[in-house]
Protein backbone atom coordinates (compact mmCIF):
# COMPACT_ATOMS: atom_id res chain seq x y z
CA MET A 1 10.94 -23.64 15.15
CA SER A 2 7.23 -23.98 15.43
CA ARG A 3 4.79 -21.53 13.83
CA LYS A 4 4.20 -19.97 17.30
CA GLU A 5 7.89 -19.52 17.86
CA ASP A 6 8.28 -17.97 14.39
CA LEU A 7 5.55 -15.45 15.11
CA ALA A 8 6.99 -14.65 18.56
CA TYR A 9 10.38 -14.03 16.93
CA ILE A 10 8.86 -11.68 14.30
CA ALA A 11 6.86 -9.84 17.06
CA GLY A 12 10.12 -9.35 19.01
CA LEU A 13 11.81 -8.06 15.87
CA PHE A 14 8.84 -5.75 15.26
CA ASP A 15 8.85 -4.50 18.92
CA GLY A 16 12.53 -3.56 18.54
CA GLU A 17 12.84 -2.45 14.90
CA GLY A 18 9.25 -2.05 13.63
CA ASN A 19 7.02 0.87 12.95
CA ILE A 20 3.25 1.47 12.85
CA ASP A 21 2.15 4.56 11.01
CA ILE A 22 -1.07 5.98 9.50
CA SER A 23 -0.73 8.29 6.50
CA ARG A 24 -3.44 10.74 5.55
CA TYR A 25 -3.96 11.88 2.01
CA THR A 26 -6.20 14.71 0.87
CA GLN A 27 -7.25 14.73 -2.76
CA ARG A 28 -8.00 17.88 -4.74
CA THR A 29 -11.70 17.12 -4.37
CA GLY A 30 -11.31 17.34 -0.59
CA TYR A 31 -11.71 13.62 -0.07
CA VAL A 32 -9.56 12.43 2.85
CA SER A 33 -8.20 8.89 2.77
CA TYR A 34 -5.96 7.00 5.28
CA VAL A 35 -3.51 4.14 4.85
CA LEU A 36 -2.11 1.94 7.61
CA HIS A 37 1.59 1.10 7.22
CA VAL A 38 3.67 -1.41 9.19
CA SER A 39 7.38 -1.85 8.57
CA ILE A 40 10.56 -3.39 10.01
CA ALA A 41 13.96 -1.95 9.14
CA ASN A 42 17.11 -4.03 9.57
CA THR A 43 20.59 -4.24 8.14
CA TYR A 44 20.24 -8.07 8.09
CA ARG A 45 18.20 -8.93 4.98
CA ASP A 46 17.72 -12.57 5.95
CA ALA A 47 15.68 -11.53 9.00
CA LEU A 48 13.26 -9.64 6.76
CA ASP A 49 13.17 -12.42 4.20
CA PHE A 50 12.11 -14.66 7.17
CA CYS A 51 9.30 -12.24 8.02
CA LYS A 52 8.01 -12.17 4.48
CA ARG A 53 8.23 -15.88 4.07
CA THR A 54 6.52 -16.63 7.43
CA LEU A 55 3.75 -14.04 7.09
CA GLY A 56 3.31 -14.63 3.37
CA TYR A 57 3.25 -11.04 2.23
CA GLY A 58 4.99 -7.66 2.35
CA THR A 59 7.63 -5.92 0.24
CA ILE A 60 11.30 -5.67 0.96
CA THR A 61 13.30 -2.74 -0.30
CA LYS A 62 16.92 -1.83 -0.06
CA LYS A 63 17.69 1.64 1.40
CA VAL A 64 20.63 3.78 2.28
CA GLY A 65 20.55 6.08 5.31
CA GLY A 66 22.29 7.78 8.14
CA VAL A 67 25.48 9.77 8.29
CA LYS A 68 27.57 6.80 7.36
CA ARG A 69 25.24 5.94 4.38
CA THR A 70 24.59 2.54 5.78
CA ILE A 71 22.71 0.01 3.61
CA TYR A 72 19.66 -1.40 5.30
CA TYR A 73 16.47 -3.20 4.28
CA ASN A 74 12.84 -2.41 4.93
CA TRP A 75 9.96 -4.91 5.00
CA GLU A 76 6.56 -3.24 4.79
CA ALA A 77 2.85 -4.00 4.39
CA GLU A 78 -0.05 -1.65 3.96
CA THR A 79 -3.77 -1.55 4.56
CA LYS A 80 -5.44 -4.99 4.86
CA GLN A 81 -2.06 -6.80 4.97
CA ALA A 82 -0.80 -4.45 7.64
CA GLY A 83 -3.96 -5.10 9.75
CA ARG A 84 -3.64 -8.85 9.21
CA CYS A 85 0.04 -8.75 10.24
CA LEU A 86 -0.79 -6.90 13.50
CA ARG A 87 -3.59 -9.27 14.35
CA ILE A 88 -1.32 -12.25 13.89
CA LEU A 89 1.62 -10.73 15.88
CA PHE A 90 -0.44 -8.96 18.55
CA PRO A 91 -0.50 -11.86 21.11
CA TYR A 92 3.34 -11.86 21.17
CA MET A 93 3.89 -8.07 21.14
CA ILE A 94 5.03 -6.22 24.25
CA ILE A 95 6.50 -2.80 23.48
CA LYS A 96 4.26 -1.81 20.57
CA SER A 97 1.12 -3.64 21.72
CA ARG A 98 -0.90 -0.43 22.35
CA GLN A 99 -0.01 0.98 18.91
CA ALA A 100 -0.95 -2.37 17.36
CA GLU A 101 -4.27 -2.52 19.23
CA LEU A 102 -5.11 1.03 17.91
CA ALA A 103 -3.99 0.18 14.37
CA ILE A 104 -6.09 -2.98 14.38
CA LYS A 105 -9.09 -0.90 15.47
CA PHE A 106 -8.34 1.64 12.82
CA GLN A 107 -8.10 -0.91 10.02
CA SER A 108 -11.37 -2.51 11.09
CA LYS A 109 -13.08 0.87 10.52
CA MET A 110 -11.84 1.04 6.91
CA ARG A 111 -14.61 -1.31 5.72
CA HIS A 112 -17.05 1.54 6.27
CA ARG A 113 -15.71 3.19 3.09
CA GLU A 114 -17.81 1.04 0.75
CA PHE A 115 -20.87 1.36 2.99
CA TYR A 116 -20.93 5.14 2.73
CA GLY A 117 -20.45 5.17 -1.04
CA GLY A 118 -16.73 6.03 -0.94
CA THR A 119 -16.97 9.15 1.28
CA PRO A 120 -16.70 8.52 5.01
CA PRO A 121 -18.93 10.61 7.24
CA PRO A 122 -17.32 13.36 9.35
CA TRP A 123 -17.58 11.38 12.60
CA LEU A 124 -15.57 8.52 11.04
CA VAL A 125 -12.89 10.91 9.79
CA ILE A 126 -12.60 12.34 13.29
CA GLU A 127 -12.30 8.89 14.83
CA ARG A 128 -9.58 7.91 12.30
CA GLU A 129 -7.67 11.13 12.97
CA GLU A 130 -7.84 10.57 16.76
CA ILE A 131 -6.37 7.08 16.30
CA LYS A 132 -3.66 8.46 14.04
CA ILE A 133 -2.69 11.12 16.58
CA GLU A 134 -2.59 8.63 19.47
CA ILE A 135 -0.35 6.26 17.48
CA MET A 136 1.92 9.25 16.75
CA ARG A 137 1.94 10.15 20.46
CA LEU A 138 2.88 6.63 21.44
CA ASN A 139 5.56 6.44 18.75
CA HIS A 140 7.16 9.73 19.77
CA ASP A 141 6.66 9.54 23.57
CA HIS A 142 6.45 13.32 23.77
CA GLU A 143 3.11 15.07 23.35
CA HIS A 144 4.78 18.27 22.27
CA ASP A 145 6.45 16.49 19.39
CA VAL A 146 3.15 14.98 18.34
CA ILE A 147 1.41 18.31 18.39
CA SER A 148 4.25 19.94 16.48
CA SER A 149 4.07 17.16 13.88
CA ALA A 150 0.29 17.48 13.67
CA ILE A 151 0.62 21.23 13.14
CA LYS A 152 3.16 20.70 10.33
CA GLU A 153 0.76 18.35 8.64
CA ASN A 154 -2.08 20.81 9.19
CA ILE A 155 -4.29 18.08 10.55
CA LEU A 156 -7.70 18.36 12.07
CA VAL A 157 -7.69 18.54 15.86
CA THR A 158 -10.83 17.51 17.65
CA GLU A 159 -12.48 19.15 20.67
CA PRO A 160 -15.86 18.27 22.10
CA LYS A 161 -18.42 18.84 19.32
CA LEU A 162 -15.93 20.90 17.25
CA VAL A 163 -13.48 20.15 14.52
CA ARG A 164 -11.02 22.83 13.47
CA LYS A 165 -7.65 23.11 11.83
CA VAL A 166 -4.73 24.12 14.09
CA THR A 167 -1.88 26.07 12.65
CA THR A 168 0.18 27.04 15.69
CA LEU A 169 1.10 25.37 18.96
CA GLU A 170 -0.55 28.27 20.87
CA GLU A 171 -3.89 27.55 19.20
CA PHE A 172 -3.74 23.95 20.49
CA GLU A 173 -2.91 24.91 24.09
């Protein structure tokens, strides 16, 4: 296969078995940081070895899950590698192209961290949180599920010129 065909194959695998996620971490000091994660889960290890070999990065771990305790493997990349992966696969993606587009935008904003001396300004935190929520919505397909997940995580919900924490579904509506 050619390089283009290899990337198209991985993009198809990613569309079917992949995941795009943004994690938010709050340190004791109140500093909020975000990490972009991409992963592909599969019971066929060779497919994930192919991904790692073709892309040139990522980590493969063995996992056990489900009721039947099935063994499966997970290829994943974070931060810059995750952004690079999505930029490479984006032209071939169909199902997860919108999530990938948002994640690429998100990762491109991470360079601002050094510019602001390590602490991003509030407007940038809000922008990152909005992208995180939109990716969650696209991943879950149901707005109610996204809002419930957001409430469980006690995230910031943005309204015009206002940022507040939401603790119940009623407060959001």
